[in-house]
Amino acid sequence: MGSSDYNPPDDPLDIIHEDADILLVNKPAGLLSVPGKGEGLADCLITRIQAAFPTALLVHRLDRDTSGVMVFALKKSAQRHLGLQFERRHTKKTYAALVHGEVAGKTGEIHLPMVVDWPNRPLQHVNFVHGKQAVTQWRRGAVKDGVTRMRLYPHTGRSHQLRVHMQAMGHPILGDPFYSENAADYPRMMLHAESLKLRHPQGGKATEFKAKVPF
């Protein structure tokens, strides 16, 4: 992606939850989580958030074209606490997606190791020799006009994991500029981080935060 074709939306911050330790926002599709390389790629969610919340710290990322729930820490201690939860896979994430074709079966689990596709980076690909473990559970929703609604539950957090796993399954995500052949037919990539369950850094209470699916 060059800076010339980066036109992020200028929506105001959509805050889901805010307290002394954490901030949760609904990231819009088309906005980078962190700055890209180059002057034209400086506008991103973390800089917008830090303009309003100067102590905000990054915990995890969502792809530019994915929308949905992101958590930021407002204290160093909270960043450490949340960082460990992501690292140890103690958080639970649910994504909503629309995919090409009619998915057979009601539920399933994908075990396909992944690694960066170096000649074509930032693309990733399935690689049984050099890939790192990647696991995604899925549940089929409504099927209509050759499109299937899916709920995706990643157990690992590989870059582009859901996108590559759906492509490998033969049902790429609609509007995906990297892994789908007719991305231009859709206004955005149809992938949304619908919910994030984590333990609050203060007291450790398990809490779920949601952002309504926009498609």
N, C-alpha and C. Protein backbone atom coordinates (compact mmCIF):
# COMPACT_ATOMS: atom_id res chain seq x y z
N MET A 1 0.84 -1.20 0.00
CA MET A 1 0.00 0.00 0.00
C MET A 1 0.87 1.25 0.00
N GLY A 2 0.67 2.11 -0.99
CA GLY A 2 1.39 3.38 -1.01
C GLY A 2 0.58 4.45 -0.32
N SER A 3 1.23 5.56 0.01
CA SER A 3 0.54 6.64 0.71
C SER A 3 -0.50 7.30 -0.19
N SER A 4 -0.32 7.21 -1.53
CA SER A 4 -1.22 7.87 -2.46
C SER A 4 -2.63 7.27 -2.42
N ASP A 5 -2.74 5.94 -2.12
CA ASP A 5 -4.08 5.35 -2.09
C ASP A 5 -4.58 5.11 -0.67
N TYR A 6 -4.01 5.83 0.27
CA TYR A 6 -4.47 5.73 1.66
C TYR A 6 -5.36 6.93 1.96
N ASN A 7 -6.65 6.67 2.01
CA ASN A 7 -7.62 7.74 2.31
C ASN A 7 -8.48 7.30 3.49
N PRO A 8 -7.94 7.39 4.71
CA PRO A 8 -8.68 6.88 5.86
C PRO A 8 -9.93 7.70 6.14
N PRO A 9 -10.96 7.07 6.71
CA PRO A 9 -12.17 7.81 7.06
C PRO A 9 -11.87 8.81 8.19
N ASP A 10 -12.60 9.92 8.20
CA ASP A 10 -12.35 10.91 9.26
C ASP A 10 -13.47 10.89 10.31
N ASP A 11 -14.03 9.69 10.55
CA ASP A 11 -15.06 9.55 11.58
C ASP A 11 -14.52 9.96 12.94
N PRO A 12 -15.36 10.56 13.79
CA PRO A 12 -14.92 10.83 15.16
C PRO A 12 -14.68 9.52 15.91
N LEU A 13 -13.90 9.56 16.97
CA LEU A 13 -13.63 8.36 17.77
C LEU A 13 -14.94 7.77 18.28
N ASP A 14 -15.09 6.45 18.11
CA ASP A 14 -16.27 5.73 18.58
C ASP A 14 -15.85 4.97 19.83
N ILE A 15 -16.07 5.59 20.98
CA ILE A 15 -15.60 5.01 22.25
C ILE A 15 -16.64 4.05 22.83
N ILE A 16 -16.20 2.83 23.09
CA ILE A 16 -17.06 1.78 23.64
C ILE A 16 -17.04 1.83 25.16
N HIS A 17 -15.84 2.05 25.72
CA HIS A 17 -15.67 2.03 27.18
C HIS A 17 -14.42 2.82 27.54
N GLU A 18 -14.51 3.53 28.65
CA GLU A 18 -13.34 4.27 29.14
C GLU A 18 -13.36 4.26 30.66
N ASP A 19 -12.22 3.94 31.27
CA ASP A 19 -12.07 4.10 32.72
C ASP A 19 -10.63 4.54 32.99
N ALA A 20 -10.18 4.45 34.22
CA ALA A 20 -8.85 4.96 34.56
C ALA A 20 -7.71 4.14 33.94
N ASP A 21 -8.00 2.89 33.58
CA ASP A 21 -6.94 1.98 33.12
C ASP A 21 -6.99 1.64 31.64
N ILE A 22 -8.19 1.52 31.10
CA ILE A 22 -8.32 1.04 29.72
C ILE A 22 -9.31 1.88 28.92
N LEU A 23 -9.13 1.82 27.60
CA LEU A 23 -9.99 2.51 26.66
C LEU A 23 -10.30 1.52 25.54
N LEU A 24 -11.58 1.36 25.23
CA LEU A 24 -11.96 0.49 24.11
C LEU A 24 -12.67 1.32 23.07
N VAL A 25 -12.26 1.14 21.83
CA VAL A 25 -12.86 1.90 20.73
C VAL A 25 -13.26 0.95 19.61
N ASN A 26 -14.16 1.44 18.77
CA ASN A 26 -14.58 0.72 17.58
C ASN A 26 -13.81 1.31 16.41
N LYS A 27 -12.78 0.59 15.95
CA LYS A 27 -11.94 1.10 14.86
C LYS A 27 -12.71 1.05 13.54
N PRO A 28 -12.68 2.15 12.76
CA PRO A 28 -13.33 2.09 11.45
C PRO A 28 -12.48 1.32 10.45
N ALA A 29 -13.12 0.72 9.45
CA ALA A 29 -12.39 0.07 8.36
C ALA A 29 -11.66 1.15 7.56
N GLY A 30 -10.46 0.82 7.09
CA GLY A 30 -9.71 1.75 6.26
C GLY A 30 -8.71 2.62 7.00
N LEU A 31 -8.67 2.50 8.32
CA LEU A 31 -7.75 3.29 9.14
C LEU A 31 -6.68 2.37 9.74
N LEU A 32 -5.41 2.72 9.55
CA LEU A 32 -4.32 1.95 10.15
C LEU A 32 -4.40 2.01 11.67
N SER A 33 -3.99 0.94 12.34
CA SER A 33 -3.92 0.94 13.81
C SER A 33 -2.73 1.77 14.29
N VAL A 34 -1.61 1.64 13.58
CA VAL A 34 -0.36 2.34 13.91
C VAL A 34 0.18 2.98 12.63
N PRO A 35 1.11 3.93 12.74
CA PRO A 35 1.59 4.59 11.52
C PRO A 35 2.26 3.61 10.56
N GLY A 36 2.08 3.84 9.26
CA GLY A 36 2.78 3.06 8.26
C GLY A 36 4.11 3.73 7.94
N LYS A 37 4.88 3.11 7.05
CA LYS A 37 6.18 3.70 6.67
C LYS A 37 5.94 4.75 5.60
N GLY A 38 6.36 5.97 5.86
CA GLY A 38 6.16 7.04 4.89
C GLY A 38 5.24 8.12 5.44
N GLU A 39 5.47 9.33 4.99
CA GLU A 39 4.76 10.50 5.49
C GLU A 39 3.24 10.39 5.32
N GLY A 40 2.82 9.88 4.17
CA GLY A 40 1.39 9.80 3.88
C GLY A 40 0.64 8.76 4.68
N LEU A 41 1.36 7.96 5.48
CA LEU A 41 0.73 6.90 6.26
C LEU A 41 0.80 7.16 7.77
N ALA A 42 0.92 8.44 8.12
CA ALA A 42 1.07 8.80 9.53
C ALA A 42 -0.26 8.79 10.28
N ASP A 43 -1.34 9.08 9.58
CA ASP A 43 -2.66 9.13 10.23
C ASP A 43 -3.08 7.71 10.60
N CYS A 44 -3.37 7.50 11.88
CA CYS A 44 -3.75 6.16 12.33
C CYS A 44 -4.54 6.28 13.63
N LEU A 45 -5.08 5.17 14.06
CA LEU A 45 -5.94 5.19 15.25
C LEU A 45 -5.18 5.59 16.51
N ILE A 46 -3.97 5.05 16.72
CA ILE A 46 -3.25 5.37 17.95
C ILE A 46 -2.93 6.86 18.05
N THR A 47 -2.58 7.52 16.94
CA THR A 47 -2.28 8.95 17.02
C THR A 47 -3.55 9.77 17.26
N ARG A 48 -4.65 9.34 16.66
CA ARG A 48 -5.92 10.04 16.90
C ARG A 48 -6.33 9.90 18.37
N ILE A 49 -6.14 8.69 18.91
CA ILE A 49 -6.50 8.46 20.32
C ILE A 49 -5.61 9.26 21.25
N GLN A 50 -4.29 9.29 20.95
CA GLN A 50 -3.36 10.01 21.83
C GLN A 50 -3.61 11.52 21.81
N ALA A 51 -4.24 12.02 20.75
CA ALA A 51 -4.59 13.44 20.71
C ALA A 51 -5.64 13.74 21.78
N ALA A 52 -6.51 12.77 22.06
CA ALA A 52 -7.56 12.94 23.06
C ALA A 52 -7.19 12.33 24.41
N PHE A 53 -6.38 11.27 24.37
CA PHE A 53 -5.95 10.55 25.59
C PHE A 53 -4.43 10.42 25.52
N PRO A 54 -3.70 11.44 25.99
CA PRO A 54 -2.23 11.47 25.80
C PRO A 54 -1.47 10.28 26.39
N THR A 55 -2.04 9.62 27.39
CA THR A 55 -1.31 8.49 28.01
C THR A 55 -1.62 7.15 27.34
N ALA A 56 -2.44 7.15 26.30
CA ALA A 56 -2.86 5.88 25.67
C ALA A 56 -1.68 5.11 25.10
N LEU A 57 -1.69 3.79 25.31
CA LEU A 57 -0.61 2.90 24.87
C LEU A 57 -1.19 1.74 24.07
N LEU A 58 -0.45 1.34 23.05
CA LEU A 58 -0.89 0.25 22.18
C LEU A 58 -0.79 -1.10 22.89
N VAL A 59 -1.78 -1.96 22.66
CA VAL A 59 -1.77 -3.32 23.22
C VAL A 59 -1.75 -4.37 22.10
N HIS A 60 -2.56 -4.14 21.07
CA HIS A 60 -2.65 -5.08 19.94
C HIS A 60 -3.05 -4.27 18.71
N ARG A 61 -3.20 -4.94 17.57
CA ARG A 61 -3.54 -4.25 16.33
C ARG A 61 -4.68 -4.97 15.61
N LEU A 62 -5.33 -4.20 14.74
CA LEU A 62 -6.24 -4.78 13.76
C LEU A 62 -5.72 -4.33 12.39
N ASP A 63 -5.92 -5.16 11.37
CA ASP A 63 -5.54 -4.78 10.01
C ASP A 63 -6.25 -3.50 9.60
N ARG A 64 -5.65 -2.77 8.70
CA ARG A 64 -6.22 -1.50 8.22
C ARG A 64 -7.67 -1.68 7.77
N ASP A 65 -7.96 -2.76 7.05
CA ASP A 65 -9.28 -2.93 6.43
C ASP A 65 -10.29 -3.63 7.32
N THR A 66 -9.88 -3.98 8.54
CA THR A 66 -10.79 -4.61 9.51
C THR A 66 -11.32 -3.53 10.46
N SER A 67 -12.59 -3.62 10.79
CA SER A 67 -13.17 -2.70 11.78
C SER A 67 -13.39 -3.46 13.08
N GLY A 68 -13.75 -2.72 14.14
CA GLY A 68 -14.18 -3.38 15.36
C GLY A 68 -13.40 -3.04 16.62
N VAL A 69 -13.62 -3.88 17.63
CA VAL A 69 -13.16 -3.60 19.00
C VAL A 69 -11.64 -3.64 19.11
N MET A 70 -11.08 -2.55 19.63
CA MET A 70 -9.65 -2.52 20.00
C MET A 70 -9.53 -1.95 21.40
N VAL A 71 -8.61 -2.53 22.18
CA VAL A 71 -8.36 -2.03 23.54
C VAL A 71 -7.01 -1.32 23.58
N PHE A 72 -6.97 -0.21 24.29
CA PHE A 72 -5.75 0.54 24.55
C PHE A 72 -5.59 0.67 26.06
N ALA A 73 -4.35 0.69 26.52
CA ALA A 73 -4.08 0.88 27.94
C ALA A 73 -3.87 2.38 28.20
N LEU A 74 -4.29 2.84 29.36
CA LEU A 74 -4.08 4.24 29.73
C LEU A 74 -2.99 4.37 30.80
N LYS A 75 -2.44 3.24 31.22
CA LYS A 75 -1.33 3.21 32.18
C LYS A 75 -0.36 2.11 31.76
N LYS A 76 0.91 2.28 32.08
CA LYS A 76 1.94 1.28 31.77
C LYS A 76 1.59 -0.08 32.39
N SER A 77 1.11 -0.04 33.65
CA SER A 77 0.78 -1.29 34.35
C SER A 77 -0.35 -2.03 33.62
N ALA A 78 -1.32 -1.27 33.11
CA ALA A 78 -2.43 -1.88 32.38
C ALA A 78 -1.93 -2.46 31.06
N GLN A 79 -0.98 -1.77 30.41
CA GLN A 79 -0.43 -2.27 29.16
C GLN A 79 0.28 -3.62 29.38
N ARG A 80 1.04 -3.72 30.46
CA ARG A 80 1.73 -4.98 30.79
C ARG A 80 0.72 -6.10 31.03
N HIS A 81 -0.29 -5.79 31.84
CA HIS A 81 -1.34 -6.76 32.20
C HIS A 81 -2.05 -7.28 30.95
N LEU A 82 -2.48 -6.36 30.10
CA LEU A 82 -3.20 -6.74 28.87
C LEU A 82 -2.28 -7.46 27.88
N GLY A 83 -1.04 -6.97 27.77
CA GLY A 83 -0.07 -7.58 26.87
C GLY A 83 0.14 -9.05 27.18
N LEU A 84 0.22 -9.39 28.46
CA LEU A 84 0.39 -10.78 28.87
C LEU A 84 -0.83 -11.62 28.51
N GLN A 85 -2.02 -11.02 28.65
CA GLN A 85 -3.24 -11.76 28.31
C GLN A 85 -3.26 -12.12 26.82
N PHE A 86 -2.85 -11.18 25.97
CA PHE A 86 -2.81 -11.47 24.53
C PHE A 86 -1.73 -12.51 24.23
N GLU A 87 -0.58 -12.33 24.87
CA GLU A 87 0.55 -13.23 24.63
C GLU A 87 0.21 -14.67 25.03
N ARG A 88 -0.49 -14.81 26.16
CA ARG A 88 -0.84 -16.14 26.68
C ARG A 88 -2.16 -16.66 26.12
N ARG A 89 -2.76 -15.90 25.22
CA ARG A 89 -4.02 -16.26 24.58
C ARG A 89 -5.15 -16.42 25.59
N HIS A 90 -5.18 -15.54 26.56
CA HIS A 90 -6.25 -15.55 27.56
C HIS A 90 -7.43 -14.67 27.14
N THR A 91 -7.26 -13.88 26.09
CA THR A 91 -8.36 -13.07 25.59
C THR A 91 -9.20 -13.92 24.64
N LYS A 92 -10.46 -13.55 24.50
CA LYS A 92 -11.33 -14.28 23.55
C LYS A 92 -11.89 -13.27 22.55
N LYS A 93 -11.67 -13.57 21.27
CA LYS A 93 -12.10 -12.65 20.21
C LYS A 93 -13.11 -13.32 19.30
N THR A 94 -14.12 -12.56 18.93
CA THR A 94 -15.12 -13.04 17.97
C THR A 94 -15.16 -12.05 16.81
N TYR A 95 -15.08 -12.59 15.60
CA TYR A 95 -15.17 -11.76 14.39
C TYR A 95 -16.40 -12.16 13.59
N ALA A 96 -16.98 -11.18 12.91
CA ALA A 96 -18.05 -11.44 11.96
C ALA A 96 -17.46 -11.23 10.57
N ALA A 97 -17.88 -12.07 9.62
CA ALA A 97 -17.37 -11.94 8.25
C ALA A 97 -18.44 -12.37 7.26
N LEU A 98 -18.34 -11.81 6.07
CA LEU A 98 -19.12 -12.29 4.93
C LEU A 98 -18.12 -12.88 3.95
N VAL A 99 -18.38 -14.13 3.52
CA VAL A 99 -17.41 -14.80 2.65
C VAL A 99 -18.07 -15.26 1.35
N HIS A 100 -17.24 -15.44 0.33
CA HIS A 100 -17.70 -15.94 -0.98
C HIS A 100 -18.19 -17.37 -0.86
N GLY A 101 -19.28 -17.66 -1.55
CA GLY A 101 -19.73 -19.04 -1.68
C GLY A 101 -20.57 -19.52 -0.50
N GLU A 102 -21.09 -20.72 -0.67
CA GLU A 102 -21.93 -21.32 0.37
C GLU A 102 -21.11 -22.33 1.16
N VAL A 103 -20.85 -22.01 2.40
CA VAL A 103 -20.02 -22.87 3.26
C VAL A 103 -20.80 -24.12 3.65
N ALA A 104 -20.17 -25.28 3.45
CA ALA A 104 -20.79 -26.55 3.84
C ALA A 104 -20.48 -26.82 5.30
N GLY A 105 -21.42 -27.42 6.01
CA GLY A 105 -21.21 -27.72 7.42
C GLY A 105 -21.58 -26.54 8.29
N LYS A 106 -21.82 -26.83 9.55
CA LYS A 106 -22.27 -25.77 10.48
C LYS A 106 -21.12 -25.16 11.28
N THR A 107 -20.16 -26.00 11.64
CA THR A 107 -19.02 -25.53 12.43
C THR A 107 -17.77 -26.27 11.99
N GLY A 108 -16.63 -25.72 12.35
CA GLY A 108 -15.39 -26.41 12.02
C GLY A 108 -14.19 -25.72 12.65
N GLU A 109 -13.03 -26.31 12.46
CA GLU A 109 -11.80 -25.75 13.00
C GLU A 109 -10.71 -25.90 11.94
N ILE A 110 -9.99 -24.81 11.72
CA ILE A 110 -8.93 -24.80 10.72
C ILE A 110 -7.57 -24.81 11.43
N HIS A 111 -6.73 -25.77 11.09
CA HIS A 111 -5.36 -25.86 11.61
C HIS A 111 -4.43 -25.76 10.41
N LEU A 112 -4.00 -24.56 10.07
CA LEU A 112 -3.09 -24.38 8.95
C LEU A 112 -1.98 -23.41 9.35
N PRO A 113 -0.73 -23.89 9.47
CA PRO A 113 0.37 -23.02 9.88
C PRO A 113 0.65 -21.93 8.84
N MET A 114 1.08 -20.77 9.32
CA MET A 114 1.25 -19.62 8.44
C MET A 114 2.58 -18.92 8.66
N VAL A 115 3.03 -18.24 7.59
CA VAL A 115 4.25 -17.44 7.67
C VAL A 115 4.15 -16.35 6.61
N VAL A 116 4.95 -15.30 6.75
CA VAL A 116 4.94 -14.23 5.75
C VAL A 116 5.42 -14.78 4.40
N ASP A 117 4.77 -14.32 3.34
CA ASP A 117 5.15 -14.69 1.97
C ASP A 117 6.17 -13.63 1.50
N TRP A 118 7.45 -13.87 1.78
CA TRP A 118 8.48 -12.84 1.64
C TRP A 118 8.49 -12.10 0.30
N PRO A 119 8.44 -12.80 -0.85
CA PRO A 119 8.48 -12.05 -2.11
C PRO A 119 7.26 -11.15 -2.30
N ASN A 120 6.16 -11.47 -1.58
CA ASN A 120 4.92 -10.72 -1.75
C ASN A 120 4.44 -10.04 -0.47
N ARG A 121 5.38 -9.80 0.46
CA ARG A 121 4.95 -9.21 1.73
C ARG A 121 4.25 -7.87 1.51
N PRO A 122 3.24 -7.49 2.30
CA PRO A 122 2.90 -8.08 3.60
C PRO A 122 1.98 -9.30 3.55
N LEU A 123 1.79 -9.90 2.37
CA LEU A 123 0.93 -11.09 2.32
C LEU A 123 1.52 -12.23 3.15
N GLN A 124 0.62 -13.04 3.69
CA GLN A 124 0.99 -14.23 4.45
C GLN A 124 0.49 -15.44 3.66
N HIS A 125 1.03 -16.63 3.95
CA HIS A 125 0.51 -17.82 3.28
C HIS A 125 0.66 -19.05 4.17
N VAL A 126 -0.08 -20.08 3.81
CA VAL A 126 0.00 -21.35 4.53
C VAL A 126 1.33 -22.01 4.15
N ASN A 127 2.06 -22.47 5.17
CA ASN A 127 3.37 -23.08 4.92
C ASN A 127 3.60 -24.16 5.98
N PHE A 128 3.59 -25.42 5.54
CA PHE A 128 3.70 -26.53 6.49
C PHE A 128 5.13 -26.79 6.97
N VAL A 129 6.11 -26.16 6.31
CA VAL A 129 7.51 -26.34 6.70
C VAL A 129 7.95 -25.24 7.67
N HIS A 130 7.71 -23.99 7.27
CA HIS A 130 8.21 -22.87 8.06
C HIS A 130 7.12 -22.12 8.84
N GLY A 131 5.87 -22.47 8.62
CA GLY A 131 4.77 -21.73 9.24
C GLY A 131 4.66 -21.94 10.74
N LYS A 132 4.06 -20.94 11.40
CA LYS A 132 3.77 -21.05 12.84
C LYS A 132 2.31 -21.49 13.00
N GLN A 133 2.07 -22.21 14.08
CA GLN A 133 0.73 -22.74 14.34
C GLN A 133 -0.33 -21.64 14.24
N ALA A 134 -1.42 -21.93 13.54
CA ALA A 134 -2.53 -20.99 13.43
C ALA A 134 -3.83 -21.79 13.47
N VAL A 135 -4.71 -21.42 14.40
CA VAL A 135 -5.95 -22.17 14.61
C VAL A 135 -7.14 -21.21 14.63
N THR A 136 -8.14 -21.52 13.83
CA THR A 136 -9.37 -20.72 13.78
C THR A 136 -10.58 -21.64 13.87
N GLN A 137 -11.48 -21.34 14.79
CA GLN A 137 -12.78 -22.03 14.82
C GLN A 137 -13.77 -21.19 14.03
N TRP A 138 -14.75 -21.84 13.42
CA TRP A 138 -15.76 -21.09 12.68
C TRP A 138 -17.14 -21.67 12.88
N ARG A 139 -18.12 -20.78 12.73
CA ARG A 139 -19.53 -21.18 12.82
C ARG A 139 -20.28 -20.51 11.69
N ARG A 140 -20.98 -21.30 10.92
CA ARG A 140 -21.71 -20.75 9.79
C ARG A 140 -23.01 -20.09 10.22
N GLY A 141 -23.30 -18.94 9.63
CA GLY A 141 -24.57 -18.26 9.86
C GLY A 141 -25.44 -18.38 8.62
N ALA A 142 -26.15 -17.31 8.29
CA ALA A 142 -27.07 -17.31 7.16
C ALA A 142 -26.33 -17.40 5.83
N VAL A 143 -26.95 -18.11 4.89
CA VAL A 143 -26.41 -18.22 3.53
C VAL A 143 -27.43 -17.60 2.58
N LYS A 144 -26.97 -16.66 1.74
CA LYS A 144 -27.90 -15.98 0.84
C LYS A 144 -27.17 -15.52 -0.43
N ASP A 145 -27.74 -15.86 -1.58
CA ASP A 145 -27.21 -15.40 -2.87
C ASP A 145 -25.70 -15.66 -3.02
N GLY A 146 -25.28 -16.85 -2.63
CA GLY A 146 -23.87 -17.21 -2.82
C GLY A 146 -22.92 -16.55 -1.84
N VAL A 147 -23.46 -16.03 -0.74
CA VAL A 147 -22.63 -15.39 0.30
C VAL A 147 -22.98 -16.02 1.65
N THR A 148 -21.97 -16.32 2.44
CA THR A 148 -22.20 -16.91 3.76
C THR A 148 -21.72 -15.96 4.86
N ARG A 149 -22.57 -15.81 5.86
CA ARG A 149 -22.19 -15.03 7.06
C ARG A 149 -21.49 -15.98 8.03
N MET A 150 -20.35 -15.56 8.55
CA MET A 150 -19.56 -16.43 9.43
C MET A 150 -19.24 -15.74 10.75
N ARG A 151 -19.12 -16.56 11.80
CA ARG A 151 -18.52 -16.11 13.06
C ARG A 151 -17.19 -16.83 13.16
N LEU A 152 -16.11 -16.07 13.38
CA LEU A 152 -14.76 -16.63 13.41
C LEU A 152 -14.14 -16.41 14.78
N TYR A 153 -13.52 -17.44 15.31
CA TYR A 153 -12.93 -17.40 16.66
C TYR A 153 -11.45 -17.80 16.56
N PRO A 154 -10.55 -16.84 16.42
CA PRO A 154 -9.13 -17.19 16.32
C PRO A 154 -8.56 -17.62 17.67
N HIS A 155 -7.85 -18.74 17.69
CA HIS A 155 -7.20 -19.21 18.92
C HIS A 155 -5.75 -18.74 18.96
N THR A 156 -5.24 -18.35 17.80
CA THR A 156 -3.90 -17.78 17.71
C THR A 156 -4.04 -16.42 17.05
N GLY A 157 -2.99 -15.62 17.07
CA GLY A 157 -3.10 -14.25 16.56
C GLY A 157 -2.12 -13.95 15.44
N ARG A 158 -2.05 -14.84 14.45
CA ARG A 158 -1.14 -14.60 13.33
C ARG A 158 -1.64 -13.46 12.45
N SER A 159 -0.70 -12.75 11.86
CA SER A 159 -1.04 -11.67 10.94
C SER A 159 -1.87 -12.22 9.77
N HIS A 160 -3.01 -11.58 9.48
CA HIS A 160 -3.90 -11.96 8.39
C HIS A 160 -4.48 -13.37 8.56
N GLN A 161 -4.47 -13.89 9.78
CA GLN A 161 -4.88 -15.29 9.98
C GLN A 161 -6.26 -15.62 9.43
N LEU A 162 -7.26 -14.82 9.79
CA LEU A 162 -8.63 -15.14 9.37
C LEU A 162 -8.76 -15.02 7.85
N ARG A 163 -8.08 -14.04 7.29
CA ARG A 163 -8.15 -13.80 5.85
C ARG A 163 -7.54 -14.97 5.07
N VAL A 164 -6.38 -15.44 5.52
CA VAL A 164 -5.70 -16.56 4.85
C VAL A 164 -6.47 -17.87 5.07
N HIS A 165 -6.96 -18.07 6.29
CA HIS A 165 -7.69 -19.31 6.57
C HIS A 165 -8.99 -19.39 5.75
N MET A 166 -9.68 -18.28 5.61
CA MET A 166 -10.91 -18.29 4.80
C MET A 166 -10.58 -18.54 3.32
N GLN A 167 -9.50 -17.92 2.85
CA GLN A 167 -9.08 -18.15 1.46
C GLN A 167 -8.72 -19.63 1.26
N ALA A 168 -7.98 -20.20 2.21
CA ALA A 168 -7.55 -21.60 2.10
C ALA A 168 -8.74 -22.55 2.13
N MET A 169 -9.81 -22.13 2.80
CA MET A 169 -11.02 -22.93 2.90
C MET A 169 -11.84 -22.86 1.61
N GLY A 170 -11.43 -21.95 0.72
CA GLY A 170 -12.15 -21.78 -0.54
C GLY A 170 -13.26 -20.75 -0.46
N HIS A 171 -13.27 -19.97 0.64
CA HIS A 171 -14.32 -18.97 0.86
C HIS A 171 -13.69 -17.65 1.32
N PRO A 172 -12.97 -16.96 0.42
CA PRO A 172 -12.31 -15.71 0.84
C PRO A 172 -13.31 -14.67 1.32
N ILE A 173 -12.83 -13.79 2.19
CA ILE A 173 -13.68 -12.74 2.74
C ILE A 173 -13.99 -11.71 1.66
N LEU A 174 -15.25 -11.34 1.55
CA LEU A 174 -15.67 -10.35 0.55
C LEU A 174 -14.93 -9.04 0.75
N GLY A 175 -14.49 -8.46 -0.36
CA GLY A 175 -13.84 -7.15 -0.30
C GLY A 175 -12.41 -7.17 0.19
N ASP A 176 -11.82 -8.35 0.38
CA ASP A 176 -10.43 -8.43 0.85
C ASP A 176 -9.49 -8.05 -0.30
N PRO A 177 -8.74 -6.94 -0.15
CA PRO A 177 -7.88 -6.49 -1.25
C PRO A 177 -6.68 -7.40 -1.51
N PHE A 178 -6.32 -8.26 -0.57
CA PHE A 178 -5.16 -9.14 -0.72
C PHE A 178 -5.52 -10.56 -1.16
N TYR A 179 -6.59 -11.10 -0.61
CA TYR A 179 -6.83 -12.53 -0.77
C TYR A 179 -8.12 -12.87 -1.52
N SER A 180 -8.80 -11.86 -2.05
CA SER A 180 -10.02 -12.10 -2.80
C SER A 180 -9.87 -11.47 -4.18
N GLU A 181 -10.44 -12.10 -5.19
CA GLU A 181 -10.22 -11.64 -6.56
C GLU A 181 -11.10 -10.46 -6.97
N ASN A 182 -12.24 -10.26 -6.32
CA ASN A 182 -13.12 -9.17 -6.75
C ASN A 182 -13.39 -8.17 -5.62
N ALA A 183 -12.30 -7.75 -4.96
CA ALA A 183 -12.41 -6.82 -3.84
C ALA A 183 -13.07 -5.50 -4.25
N ALA A 184 -12.84 -5.09 -5.50
CA ALA A 184 -13.35 -3.80 -5.97
C ALA A 184 -14.88 -3.76 -6.02
N ASP A 185 -15.52 -4.93 -5.96
CA ASP A 185 -16.98 -4.98 -6.00
C ASP A 185 -17.62 -4.60 -4.67
N TYR A 186 -16.81 -4.42 -3.64
CA TYR A 186 -17.35 -4.17 -2.30
C TYR A 186 -16.77 -2.87 -1.73
N PRO A 187 -17.58 -2.17 -0.92
CA PRO A 187 -17.13 -0.88 -0.38
C PRO A 187 -16.03 -1.00 0.67
N ARG A 188 -15.87 -2.20 1.23
CA ARG A 188 -14.88 -2.44 2.29
C ARG A 188 -14.66 -3.94 2.40
N MET A 189 -13.67 -4.32 3.23
CA MET A 189 -13.50 -5.73 3.54
C MET A 189 -14.53 -6.12 4.60
N MET A 190 -15.24 -7.20 4.36
CA MET A 190 -16.33 -7.60 5.25
C MET A 190 -15.81 -8.46 6.41
N LEU A 191 -15.00 -7.84 7.24
CA LEU A 191 -14.45 -8.49 8.44
C LEU A 191 -14.49 -7.49 9.57
N HIS A 192 -15.08 -7.90 10.70
CA HIS A 192 -15.32 -6.98 11.81
C HIS A 192 -15.05 -7.69 13.13
N ALA A 193 -14.22 -7.08 13.98
CA ALA A 193 -13.95 -7.61 15.32
C ALA A 193 -15.13 -7.26 16.21
N GLU A 194 -16.03 -8.23 16.36
CA GLU A 194 -17.32 -7.97 17.01
C GLU A 194 -17.22 -7.89 18.53
N SER A 195 -16.41 -8.77 19.12
CA SER A 195 -16.31 -8.75 20.59
C SER A 195 -14.92 -9.15 21.06
N LEU A 196 -14.58 -8.64 22.22
CA LEU A 196 -13.29 -8.93 22.86
C LEU A 196 -13.54 -9.15 24.34
N LYS A 197 -13.18 -10.34 24.82
CA LYS A 197 -13.33 -10.66 26.24
C LYS A 197 -11.95 -10.67 26.87
N LEU A 198 -11.81 -9.93 27.96
CA LEU A 198 -10.52 -9.85 28.65
C LEU A 198 -10.73 -9.67 30.14
N ARG A 199 -9.64 -9.80 30.88
CA ARG A 199 -9.70 -9.55 32.33
C ARG A 199 -9.25 -8.12 32.59
N HIS A 200 -10.04 -7.39 33.35
CA HIS A 200 -9.71 -6.00 33.62
C HIS A 200 -8.42 -5.93 34.45
N PRO A 201 -7.50 -5.03 34.06
CA PRO A 201 -6.22 -4.93 34.79
C PRO A 201 -6.39 -4.63 36.28
N GLN A 202 -7.48 -3.97 36.64
CA GLN A 202 -7.75 -3.72 38.06
C GLN A 202 -8.75 -4.75 38.56
N GLY A 203 -8.29 -5.74 39.30
CA GLY A 203 -9.20 -6.71 39.91
C GLY A 203 -9.38 -8.00 39.12
N GLY A 204 -9.04 -7.96 37.83
CA GLY A 204 -9.05 -9.20 37.03
C GLY A 204 -10.41 -9.72 36.62
N LYS A 205 -11.46 -8.88 36.74
CA LYS A 205 -12.81 -9.34 36.37
C LYS A 205 -12.91 -9.54 34.86
N ALA A 206 -13.44 -10.71 34.46
CA ALA A 206 -13.62 -10.99 33.03
C ALA A 206 -14.76 -10.13 32.49
N THR A 207 -14.48 -9.36 31.46
CA THR A 207 -15.46 -8.45 30.88
C THR A 207 -15.44 -8.57 29.37
N GLU A 208 -16.62 -8.51 28.75
CA GLU A 208 -16.72 -8.59 27.29
C GLU A 208 -17.17 -7.24 26.74
N PHE A 209 -16.50 -6.79 25.69
CA PHE A 209 -16.83 -5.52 25.04
C PHE A 209 -17.22 -5.82 23.61
N LYS A 210 -18.27 -5.13 23.12
CA LYS A 210 -18.78 -5.42 21.78
C LYS A 210 -18.90 -4.17 20.93
N ALA A 211 -18.80 -4.38 19.62
CA ALA A 211 -19.04 -3.32 18.63
C ALA A 211 -19.97 -3.92 17.58
N LYS A 212 -21.09 -3.26 17.36
CA LYS A 212 -22.13 -3.78 16.46
C LYS A 212 -21.57 -4.02 15.06
N VAL A 213 -21.98 -5.14 14.47
CA VAL A 213 -21.51 -5.48 13.11
C VAL A 213 -22.13 -4.50 12.11
N PRO A 214 -21.31 -3.82 11.30
CA PRO A 214 -21.85 -2.79 10.40
C PRO A 214 -22.30 -3.30 9.02
N PHE A 215 -22.32 -4.63 8.83
CA PHE A 215 -22.75 -5.15 7.53
C PHE A 215 -23.60 -6.39 7.71
